[in-house]
Amino acid sequence: MINKFVDIDNYEKRAISILKSVGNLRLIGETGTGKTTFVYYLCEKYNFKLFQYSLNQDTTKYDLLGYDILEEGKTKFQKGIIINWLEFNDNKYNGYVLYLDEYNYASPNIRSLLNSLTDFRKMIYIPELNKEYYRSEKHYIIISYNPAEKSSYIGTFADNIAQLRRFESLRLGYLDIIKETEYLKEVTKFEYETIRQLVEWANKIRKCYLNGELSNVITTGNLINYINMIKNDGLEIDDILEIASNNFLEEEKEKVIRLFGNKEEEKGEGEESE
């Protein structure tokens, strides 16, 4: 079964065109916009072999390329994901995708490494193996990054114009309220009104996240879980709000719960201001 991705802006057609014509795709989108789901969807539908690595602040280029290990008293080179990706060649697949998630955390060394793989050379040299590795036309690179994430190396990435030119980008966004409600109704076969309330609540949380007021979001996947809990297990909305709020910082929980029913609060604030 192919991963379900709701394509609201012709992402699929554009992404495949970028991969085949350029080879380097950059996905931009906040938490919960479906970047990773989209990559999984493309790989399953188009029969691409996926090599995925989630970067963090401690990731070095040696984590991606490989490093020496001691085995039975002898030094042995342990290949990393990039070498495994470059060496992979199996005609039963239509392509081989290296997906580096959380590219916000890419250090200058990692960005430099990607430069040599994405420019005209399309190769890297590994001194430990005394070997050059070249990308074929079937070796694709996808990176994703969250513009709302203000930590780590996000600023240096924005300044690296040379690297930006080697990638073509797609900007993924959240589903609008109507489309998300209709999609969830189709998937869960549950009542429209409750779904609509949950979607509106999730959108308020997303706006707060984008404004820096909350540390997390409620995704479409979360909403499917919550609707199924109500539908199949008889949970009430209060139960769902409590479960969902546990995904946020302790000091944010009250706000997350309050946002579900703040229509009256917003109305009251408006009346007072008049």
C-alpha atoms as a PDB file:
ATOM      1  CA  MET A   1       0.000   0.000   0.000  1.00  0.00           C
ATOM      2  CA  ILE A   2       1.410   3.388  -1.049  1.00  0.00           C
ATOM      3  CA  ASN A   3       1.749   6.050   1.664  1.00  0.00           C
ATOM      4  CA  LYS A   4      -1.134   8.508   1.404  1.00  0.00           C
ATOM      5  CA  PHE A   5      -0.108  12.060   0.616  1.00  0.00           C
ATOM      6  CA  VAL A   6      -2.687  14.770  -0.023  1.00  0.00           C
ATOM      7  CA  ASP A   7      -1.334  16.668  -3.020  1.00  0.00           C
ATOM      8  CA  ILE A   8      -2.956  20.116  -2.913  1.00  0.00           C
ATOM      9  CA  ASP A   9      -0.539  21.963  -5.189  1.00  0.00           C
ATOM     10  CA  ASN A  10       0.685  19.530  -7.832  1.00  0.00           C
ATOM     11  CA  TYR A  11       3.763  18.687  -5.758  1.00  0.00           C
ATOM     12  CA  GLU A  12       4.198  15.216  -7.221  1.00  0.00           C
ATOM     13  CA  LYS A  13       4.518  16.297 -10.849  1.00  0.00           C
ATOM     14  CA  ARG A  14       6.961  19.061  -9.963  1.00  0.00           C
ATOM     15  CA  ALA A  15       9.060  16.880  -7.653  1.00  0.00           C
ATOM     16  CA  ILE A  16       9.503  14.114 -10.228  1.00  0.00           C
ATOM     17  CA  SER A  17      10.445  16.669 -12.873  1.00  0.00           C
ATOM     18  CA  ILE A  18      13.081  18.190 -10.557  1.00  0.00           C
ATOM     19  CA  LEU A  19      14.543  14.805  -9.656  1.00  0.00           C
ATOM     20  CA  LYS A  20      14.794  13.652 -13.262  1.00  0.00           C
ATOM     21  CA  SER A  21      16.014  16.943 -14.741  1.00  0.00           C
ATOM     22  CA  VAL A  22      18.149  18.314 -11.887  1.00  0.00           C
ATOM     23  CA  GLY A  23      18.680  15.427  -9.488  1.00  0.00           C
ATOM     24  CA  ASN A  24      18.602  17.653  -6.376  1.00  0.00           C
ATOM     25  CA  LEU A  25      15.315  18.497  -4.639  1.00  0.00           C
ATOM     26  CA  ARG A  26      14.912  20.766  -1.619  1.00  0.00           C
ATOM     27  CA  LEU A  27      11.672  20.497   0.390  1.00  0.00           C
ATOM     28  CA  ILE A  28      10.759  23.460   2.571  1.00  0.00           C
ATOM     29  CA  GLY A  29       8.002  23.222   5.147  1.00  0.00           C
ATOM     30  CA  GLU A  30       7.166  23.554   8.795  1.00  0.00           C
ATOM     31  CA  THR A  31       6.648  20.612  11.134  1.00  0.00           C
ATOM     32  CA  GLY A  32       3.582  18.623  10.116  1.00  0.00           C
ATOM     33  CA  THR A  33       3.384  19.707   6.472  1.00  0.00           C
ATOM     34  CA  GLY A  34       4.188  16.186   5.285  1.00  0.00           C
ATOM     35  CA  LYS A  35       7.743  16.461   3.944  1.00  0.00           C
ATOM     36  CA  THR A  36       8.827  12.982   5.016  1.00  0.00           C
ATOM     37  CA  THR A  37       5.469  11.441   4.084  1.00  0.00           C
ATOM     38  CA  PHE A  38       5.858  12.998   0.646  1.00  0.00           C
ATOM     39  CA  VAL A  39       9.314  11.462   0.186  1.00  0.00           C
ATOM     40  CA  TYR A  40       8.003   8.038   1.235  1.00  0.00           C
ATOM     41  CA  TYR A  41       5.083   8.453  -1.151  1.00  0.00           C
ATOM     42  CA  LEU A  42       7.355   9.288  -4.098  1.00  0.00           C
ATOM     43  CA  CYS A  43       9.723   6.407  -3.384  1.00  0.00           C
ATOM     44  CA  GLU A  44       6.908   3.871  -3.138  1.00  0.00           C
ATOM     45  CA  LYS A  45       4.975   5.095  -6.162  1.00  0.00           C
ATOM     46  CA  TYR A  46       7.984   5.479  -8.475  1.00  0.00           C
ATOM     47  CA  ASN A  47       9.918   2.483  -7.160  1.00  0.00           C
ATOM     48  CA  PHE A  48      12.890   4.401  -5.773  1.00  0.00           C
ATOM     49  CA  LYS A  49      15.226   2.836  -3.204  1.00  0.00           C
ATOM     50  CA  LEU A  50      15.291   5.140  -0.174  1.00  0.00           C
ATOM     51  CA  PHE A  51      18.370   5.935   1.937  1.00  0.00           C
ATOM     52  CA  GLN A  52      17.251   8.198   4.791  1.00  0.00           C
ATOM     53  CA  TYR A  53      19.235   9.988   7.482  1.00  0.00           C
ATOM     54  CA  SER A  54      17.926  12.498  10.025  1.00  0.00           C
ATOM     55  CA  LEU A  55      20.575  15.075  10.846  1.00  0.00           C
ATOM     56  CA  ASN A  56      21.068  16.519  14.312  1.00  0.00           C
ATOM     57  CA  GLN A  57      23.422  19.027  15.884  1.00  0.00           C
ATOM     58  CA  ASP A  58      26.049  16.358  16.533  1.00  0.00           C
ATOM     59  CA  THR A  59      26.076  14.846  13.022  1.00  0.00           C
ATOM     60  CA  THR A  60      29.440  15.020  11.275  1.00  0.00           C
ATOM     61  CA  LYS A  61      30.385  14.246   7.691  1.00  0.00           C
ATOM     62  CA  TYR A  62      32.031  11.056   8.967  1.00  0.00           C
ATOM     63  CA  ASP A  63      28.652   9.825  10.222  1.00  0.00           C
ATOM     64  CA  LEU A  64      27.442  10.089   6.621  1.00  0.00           C
ATOM     65  CA  LEU A  65      30.588   8.894   4.799  1.00  0.00           C
ATOM     66  CA  GLY A  66      32.031   6.371   7.216  1.00  0.00           C
ATOM     67  CA  TYR A  67      34.780   5.953   9.772  1.00  0.00           C
ATOM     68  CA  ASP A  68      37.444   3.526  10.967  1.00  0.00           C
ATOM     69  CA  ILE A  69      36.518   0.921  13.549  1.00  0.00           C
ATOM     70  CA  LEU A  70      38.639  -1.636  15.363  1.00  0.00           C
ATOM     71  CA  GLU A  71      37.588  -5.222  14.658  1.00  0.00           C
ATOM     72  CA  GLU A  72      39.581  -8.211  15.965  1.00  0.00           C
ATOM     73  CA  GLY A  73      42.627  -6.038  16.400  1.00  0.00           C
ATOM     74  CA  LYS A  74      42.479  -4.657  12.882  1.00  0.00           C
ATOM     75  CA  THR A  75      41.289  -1.319  11.572  1.00  0.00           C
ATOM     76  CA  LYS A  76      38.272  -1.564   9.290  1.00  0.00           C
ATOM     77  CA  PHE A  77      36.410   1.197   7.451  1.00  0.00           C
ATOM     78  CA  GLN A  78      32.711   1.245   8.336  1.00  0.00           C
ATOM     79  CA  LYS A  79      30.807   2.694   5.385  1.00  0.00           C
ATOM     80  CA  GLY A  80      28.215   5.361   6.046  1.00  0.00           C
ATOM     81  CA  ILE A  81      24.892   5.964   4.346  1.00  0.00           C
ATOM     82  CA  ILE A  82      26.296   8.122   1.523  1.00  0.00           C
ATOM     83  CA  ILE A  83      28.822   5.472   0.460  1.00  0.00           C
ATOM     84  CA  ASN A  84      26.147   2.774   0.656  1.00  0.00           C
ATOM     85  CA  TRP A  85      23.867   4.971  -1.472  1.00  0.00           C
ATOM     86  CA  LEU A  86      26.555   5.683  -4.083  1.00  0.00           C
ATOM     87  CA  GLU A  87      27.524   2.008  -4.312  1.00  0.00           C
ATOM     88  CA  PHE A  88      23.944   0.850  -4.690  1.00  0.00           C
ATOM     89  CA  ASN A  89      23.060  -0.218  -8.213  1.00  0.00           C
ATOM     90  CA  ASP A  90      20.062  -2.467  -8.732  1.00  0.00           C
ATOM     91  CA  ASN A  91      18.066  -2.300 -11.937  1.00  0.00           C
ATOM     92  CA  LYS A  92      14.885  -3.459 -10.240  1.00  0.00           C
ATOM     93  CA  TYR A  93      14.647   0.120  -8.885  1.00  0.00           C
ATOM     94  CA  ASN A  94      13.993   3.199 -11.014  1.00  0.00           C
ATOM     95  CA  GLY A  95      16.223   5.381  -8.867  1.00  0.00           C
ATOM     96  CA  TYR A  96      18.085   5.659  -5.567  1.00  0.00           C
ATOM     97  CA  VAL A  97      17.147   8.520  -3.241  1.00  0.00           C
ATOM     98  CA  LEU A  98      19.420   9.934  -0.553  1.00  0.00           C
ATOM     99  CA  TYR A  99      17.079  11.808   1.802  1.00  0.00           C
ATOM    100  CA  LEU A 100      18.684  14.064   4.419  1.00  0.00           C
ATOM    101  CA  ASP A 101      16.000  15.198   6.813  1.00  0.00           C
ATOM    102  CA  GLU A 102      16.324  18.111   9.261  1.00  0.00           C
ATOM    103  CA  TYR A 103      18.846  19.888   7.044  1.00  0.00           C
ATOM    104  CA  ASN A 104      18.605  22.833   9.432  1.00  0.00           C
ATOM    105  CA  TYR A 105      21.202  20.983  11.463  1.00  0.00           C
ATOM    106  CA  ALA A 106      23.699  20.527   8.614  1.00  0.00           C
ATOM    107  CA  SER A 107      27.121  21.763   9.686  1.00  0.00           C
ATOM    108  CA  PRO A 108      29.431  23.590   7.242  1.00  0.00           C
ATOM    109  CA  ASN A 109      31.355  20.327   6.743  1.00  0.00           C
ATOM    110  CA  ILE A 110      28.209  18.501   5.695  1.00  0.00           C
ATOM    111  CA  ARG A 111      27.191  21.316   3.364  1.00  0.00           C
ATOM    112  CA  SER A 112      30.663  21.254   1.826  1.00  0.00           C
ATOM    113  CA  LEU A 113      30.336  17.511   1.323  1.00  0.00           C
ATOM    114  CA  LEU A 114      27.031  17.998  -0.467  1.00  0.00           C
ATOM    115  CA  ASN A 115      28.577  20.671  -2.682  1.00  0.00           C
ATOM    116  CA  SER A 116      30.872  18.121  -4.304  1.00  0.00           C
ATOM    117  CA  LEU A 117      27.969  15.724  -4.813  1.00  0.00           C
ATOM    118  CA  THR A 118      25.648  18.310  -6.352  1.00  0.00           C
ATOM    119  CA  ASP A 119      27.945  20.394  -8.557  1.00  0.00           C
ATOM    120  CA  PHE A 120      29.318  19.391 -11.968  1.00  0.00           C
ATOM    121  CA  ARG A 121      31.772  16.915 -10.393  1.00  0.00           C
ATOM    122  CA  LYS A 122      29.095  14.753  -8.733  1.00  0.00           C
ATOM    123  CA  MET A 123      31.779  12.843  -6.901  1.00  0.00           C
ATOM    124  CA  ILE A 124      33.607  12.491  -3.608  1.00  0.00           C
ATOM    125  CA  TYR A 125      37.015  11.096  -2.728  1.00  0.00           C
ATOM    126  CA  ILE A 126      37.446   8.881   0.353  1.00  0.00           C
ATOM    127  CA  PRO A 127      41.129   8.882   1.388  1.00  0.00           C
ATOM    128  CA  GLU A 128      40.630   5.953   3.787  1.00  0.00           C
ATOM    129  CA  LEU A 129      39.636   3.828   0.797  1.00  0.00           C
ATOM    130  CA  ASN A 130      41.746   5.688  -1.765  1.00  0.00           C
ATOM    131  CA  LYS A 131      38.681   5.687  -3.960  1.00  0.00           C
ATOM    132  CA  GLU A 132      36.495   8.125  -5.860  1.00  0.00           C
ATOM    133  CA  TYR A 133      32.736   7.702  -5.875  1.00  0.00           C
ATOM    134  CA  TYR A 134      30.552   9.137  -8.630  1.00  0.00           C
ATOM    135  CA  ARG A 135      26.811   9.766  -8.782  1.00  0.00           C
ATOM    136  CA  SER A 136      24.900   8.192 -11.614  1.00  0.00           C
ATOM    137  CA  GLU A 137      21.820   9.743 -13.225  1.00  0.00           C
ATOM    138  CA  LYS A 138      19.700   7.457 -11.056  1.00  0.00           C
ATOM    139  CA  HIS A 139      21.179   8.736  -7.772  1.00  0.00           C
ATOM    140  CA  TYR A 140      18.869  11.480  -6.512  1.00  0.00           C
ATOM    141  CA  ILE A 141      19.299  13.786  -3.496  1.00  0.00           C
ATOM    142  CA  ILE A 142      16.433  15.218  -1.445  1.00  0.00           C
ATOM    143  CA  ILE A 143      16.962  17.511   1.527  1.00  0.00           C
ATOM    144  CA  SER A 144      14.243  18.955   3.733  1.00  0.00           C
ATOM    145  CA  TYR A 145      14.329  21.887   6.064  1.00  0.00           C
ATOM    146  CA  ASN A 146      11.993  23.658   8.429  1.00  0.00           C
ATOM    147  CA  PRO A 147      12.002  27.468   8.075  1.00  0.00           C
ATOM    148  CA  ALA A 148      10.336  27.827  11.478  1.00  0.00           C
ATOM    149  CA  GLU A 149      13.270  26.109  13.201  1.00  0.00           C
ATOM    150  CA  LYS A 150      15.572  28.868  14.457  1.00  0.00           C
ATOM    151  CA  SER A 151      18.314  26.691  15.938  1.00  0.00           C
ATOM    152  CA  SER A 152      21.643  25.435  14.657  1.00  0.00           C
ATOM    153  CA  TYR A 153      22.939  26.271  11.178  1.00  0.00           C
ATOM    154  CA  ILE A 154      19.775  27.562   9.490  1.00  0.00           C
ATOM    155  CA  GLY A 155      21.301  31.002   8.927  1.00  0.00           C
ATOM    156  CA  THR A 156      24.427  29.710   7.248  1.00  0.00           C
ATOM    157  CA  PHE A 157      22.349  27.587   4.907  1.00  0.00           C
ATOM    158  CA  ALA A 158      20.373  30.616   3.755  1.00  0.00           C
ATOM    159  CA  ASP A 159      23.656  32.352   2.897  1.00  0.00           C
ATOM    160  CA  ASN A 160      25.012  29.511   0.779  1.00  0.00           C
ATOM    161  CA  ILE A 161      23.774  30.794  -2.579  1.00  0.00           C
ATOM    162  CA  ALA A 162      26.040  28.508  -4.596  1.00  0.00           C
ATOM    163  CA  GLN A 163      24.437  25.447  -3.042  1.00  0.00           C
ATOM    164  CA  LEU A 164      20.922  26.819  -3.415  1.00  0.00           C
ATOM    165  CA  ARG A 165      21.479  27.086  -7.161  1.00  0.00           C
ATOM    166  CA  ARG A 166      22.174  23.355  -7.346  1.00  0.00           C
ATOM    167  CA  PHE A 167      18.796  22.511  -5.810  1.00  0.00           C
ATOM    168  CA  GLU A 168      15.305  23.267  -7.040  1.00  0.00           C
ATOM    169  CA  SER A 169      12.780  23.787  -4.265  1.00  0.00           C
ATOM    170  CA  LEU A 170       9.208  22.979  -3.362  1.00  0.00           C
ATOM    171  CA  ARG A 171       7.410  24.774  -0.522  1.00  0.00           C
ATOM    172  CA  LEU A 172       4.937  22.494   1.296  1.00  0.00           C
ATOM    173  CA  GLY A 173       2.188  24.003   3.409  1.00  0.00           C
ATOM    174  CA  TYR A 174      -0.587  22.910   5.724  1.00  0.00           C
ATOM    175  CA  LEU A 175      -3.909  21.835   4.223  1.00  0.00           C
ATOM    176  CA  ASP A 176      -6.623  24.461   4.386  1.00  0.00           C
ATOM    177  CA  ILE A 177      -9.531  23.776   6.725  1.00  0.00           C
ATOM    178  CA  ILE A 178     -12.042  22.634   4.105  1.00  0.00           C
ATOM    179  CA  LYS A 179      -9.667  20.290   2.255  1.00  0.00           C
ATOM    180  CA  GLU A 180      -8.321  18.775   5.469  1.00  0.00           C
ATOM    181  CA  THR A 181     -11.842  18.229   6.812  1.00  0.00           C
ATOM    182  CA  GLU A 182     -12.992  16.558   3.591  1.00  0.00           C
ATOM    183  CA  TYR A 183      -9.903  14.364   3.495  1.00  0.00           C
ATOM    184  CA  LEU A 184     -10.329  13.251   7.113  1.00  0.00           C
ATOM    185  CA  LYS A 185     -14.003  12.487   6.554  1.00  0.00           C
ATOM    186  CA  GLU A 186     -13.079  10.333   3.545  1.00  0.00           C
ATOM    187  CA  VAL A 187     -10.384   8.473   5.496  1.00  0.00           C
ATOM    188  CA  THR A 188     -12.188   7.978   8.814  1.00  0.00           C
ATOM    189  CA  LYS A 189     -15.841   7.843   7.684  1.00  0.00           C
ATOM    190  CA  PHE A 190     -16.752   9.876  10.760  1.00  0.00           C
ATOM    191  CA  GLU A 191     -19.180  12.751  11.291  1.00  0.00           C
ATOM    192  CA  TYR A 192     -18.333  16.027   9.587  1.00  0.00           C
ATOM    193  CA  GLU A 193     -19.013  18.423  12.471  1.00  0.00           C
ATOM    194  CA  THR A 194     -16.619  16.815  14.955  1.00  0.00           C
ATOM    195  CA  ILE A 195     -13.904  16.545  12.314  1.00  0.00           C
ATOM    196  CA  ARG A 196     -14.376  20.199  11.405  1.00  0.00           C
ATOM    197  CA  GLN A 197     -14.010  21.243  15.062  1.00  0.00           C
ATOM    198  CA  LEU A 198     -10.798  19.257  15.408  1.00  0.00           C
ATOM    199  CA  VAL A 199      -9.369  20.662  12.167  1.00  0.00           C
ATOM    200  CA  GLU A 200     -10.135  24.244  13.215  1.00  0.00           C
ATOM    201  CA  TRP A 201      -8.443  23.562  16.544  1.00  0.00           C
ATOM    202  CA  ALA A 202      -5.378  22.078  14.816  1.00  0.00           C
ATOM    203  CA  ASN A 203      -5.141  25.152  12.588  1.00  0.00           C
ATOM    204  CA  LYS A 204      -5.176  27.487  15.591  1.00  0.00           C
ATOM    205  CA  ILE A 205      -2.325  25.476  17.098  1.00  0.00           C
ATOM    206  CA  ARG A 206      -0.372  25.652  13.824  1.00  0.00           C
ATOM    207  CA  LYS A 207      -0.761  29.426  13.718  1.00  0.00           C
ATOM    208  CA  CYS A 208       0.532  29.666  17.270  1.00  0.00           C
ATOM    209  CA  TYR A 209       3.477  27.447  16.322  1.00  0.00           C
ATOM    210  CA  LEU A 210       4.341  29.683  13.361  1.00  0.00           C
ATOM    211  CA  ASN A 211       4.146  32.716  15.655  1.00  0.00           C
ATOM    212  CA  GLY A 212       6.542  31.082  18.112  1.00  0.00           C
ATOM    213  CA  GLU A 213       3.880  30.677  20.808  1.00  0.00           C
ATOM    214  CA  LEU A 214       3.885  26.849  20.837  1.00  0.00           C
ATOM    215  CA  SER A 215       6.680  24.312  20.379  1.00  0.00           C
ATOM    216  CA  ASN A 216       4.759  21.725  18.361  1.00  0.00           C
ATOM    217  CA  VAL A 217       1.810  21.218  16.015  1.00  0.00           C
ATOM    218  CA  ILE A 218      -1.132  18.865  15.550  1.00  0.00           C
ATOM    219  CA  THR A 219      -0.621  17.072  12.236  1.00  0.00           C
ATOM    220  CA  THR A 220      -3.157  15.476   9.912  1.00  0.00           C
ATOM    221  CA  GLY A 221      -1.832  12.118  11.096  1.00  0.00           C
ATOM    222  CA  ASN A 222      -2.509  13.103  14.706  1.00  0.00           C
ATOM    223  CA  LEU A 223      -6.068  14.046  13.777  1.00  0.00           C
ATOM    224  CA  ILE A 224      -6.665  10.656  12.174  1.00  0.00           C
ATOM    225  CA  ASN A 225      -5.542   9.020  15.428  1.00  0.00           C
ATOM    226  CA  TYR A 226      -7.808  11.220  17.527  1.00  0.00           C
ATOM    227  CA  ILE A 227     -10.863  10.707  15.312  1.00  0.00           C
ATOM    228  CA  ASN A 228     -10.379   6.938  15.396  1.00  0.00           C
ATOM    229  CA  MET A 229     -10.115   7.052  19.202  1.00  0.00           C
ATOM    230  CA  ILE A 230     -13.460   8.852  19.334  1.00  0.00           C
ATOM    231  CA  LYS A 231     -15.073   6.644  16.694  1.00  0.00           C
ATOM    232  CA  ASN A 232     -13.765   3.230  17.745  1.00  0.00           C
ATOM    233  CA  ASP A 233     -13.044   3.557  21.457  1.00  0.00           C
ATOM    234  CA  GLY A 234     -15.677   6.026  22.630  1.00  0.00           C
ATOM    235  CA  LEU A 235     -13.265   8.688  23.871  1.00  0.00           C
ATOM    236  CA  GLU A 236     -14.658  12.162  24.457  1.00  0.00           C
ATOM    237  CA  ILE A 237     -13.208  15.437  23.199  1.00  0.00           C
ATOM    238  CA  ASP A 238     -11.854  16.166  26.683  1.00  0.00           C
ATOM    239  CA  ASP A 239      -9.906  12.899  26.540  1.00  0.00           C
ATOM    240  CA  ILE A 240      -8.457  13.837  23.159  1.00  0.00           C
ATOM    241  CA  LEU A 241      -7.443  17.306  24.340  1.00  0.00           C
ATOM    242  CA  GLU A 242      -5.638  15.838  27.327  1.00  0.00           C
ATOM    243  CA  ILE A 243      -3.825  13.253  25.170  1.00  0.00           C
ATOM    244  CA  ALA A 244      -2.859  15.852  22.559  1.00  0.00           C
ATOM    245  CA  SER A 245      -1.650  18.385  25.108  1.00  0.00           C
ATOM    246  CA  ASN A 246       0.903  15.864  26.385  1.00  0.00           C
ATOM    247  CA  ASN A 247       2.822  16.352  23.118  1.00  0.00           C
ATOM    248  CA  PHE A 248       3.604  19.926  24.167  1.00  0.00           C
ATOM    249  CA  LEU A 249       5.714  21.546  26.867  1.00  0.00           C
ATOM    250  CA  GLU A 250       4.187  21.478  30.328  1.00  0.00           C
ATOM    251  CA  GLU A 251       3.658  25.234  30.349  1.00  0.00           C
ATOM    252  CA  GLU A 252       1.870  25.036  26.968  1.00  0.00           C
ATOM    253  CA  LYS A 253      -0.707  22.374  27.836  1.00  0.00           C
ATOM    254  CA  GLU A 254      -3.337  24.762  29.192  1.00  0.00           C
ATOM    255  CA  LYS A 255      -3.152  26.932  26.087  1.00  0.00           C
ATOM    256  CA  VAL A 256      -3.465  23.911  23.762  1.00  0.00           C
ATOM    257  CA  ILE A 257      -6.626  22.755  25.542  1.00  0.00           C
ATOM    258  CA  ARG A 258      -8.069  26.281  25.726  1.00  0.00           C
ATOM    259  CA  LEU A 259      -7.641  26.821  21.974  1.00  0.00           C
ATOM    260  CA  PHE A 260     -10.263  24.177  21.220  1.00  0.00           C
ATOM    261  CA  GLY A 261     -13.052  26.314  22.609  1.00  0.00           C
ATOM    262  CA  ASN A 262     -11.736  29.847  22.258  1.00  0.00           C
ATOM    263  CA  LYS A 263     -14.314  31.037  19.726  1.00  0.00           C
ATOM    264  CA  GLU A 264     -16.330  32.522  22.564  1.00  0.00           C
ATOM    265  CA  GLU A 265     -13.170  33.980  24.079  1.00  0.00           C
ATOM    266  CA  GLU A 266     -12.278  35.659  20.767  1.00  0.00           C
ATOM    267  CA  LYS A 267     -15.807  37.015  20.467  1.00  0.00           C
ATOM    268  CA  GLY A 268     -15.707  38.322  24.005  1.00  0.00           C
ATOM    269  CA  GLU A 269     -12.392  40.042  23.430  1.00  0.00           C
ATOM    270  CA  GLY A 270     -13.801  41.681  20.314  1.00  0.00           C
ATOM    271  CA  GLU A 271     -16.847  42.965  22.157  1.00  0.00           C
ATOM    272  CA  GLU A 272     -14.715  44.425  24.930  1.00  0.00           C
ATOM    273  CA  SER A 273     -12.455  46.207  22.477  1.00  0.00           C
ATOM    274  CA  GLU A 274     -15.464  47.900  20.883  1.00  0.00           C
END
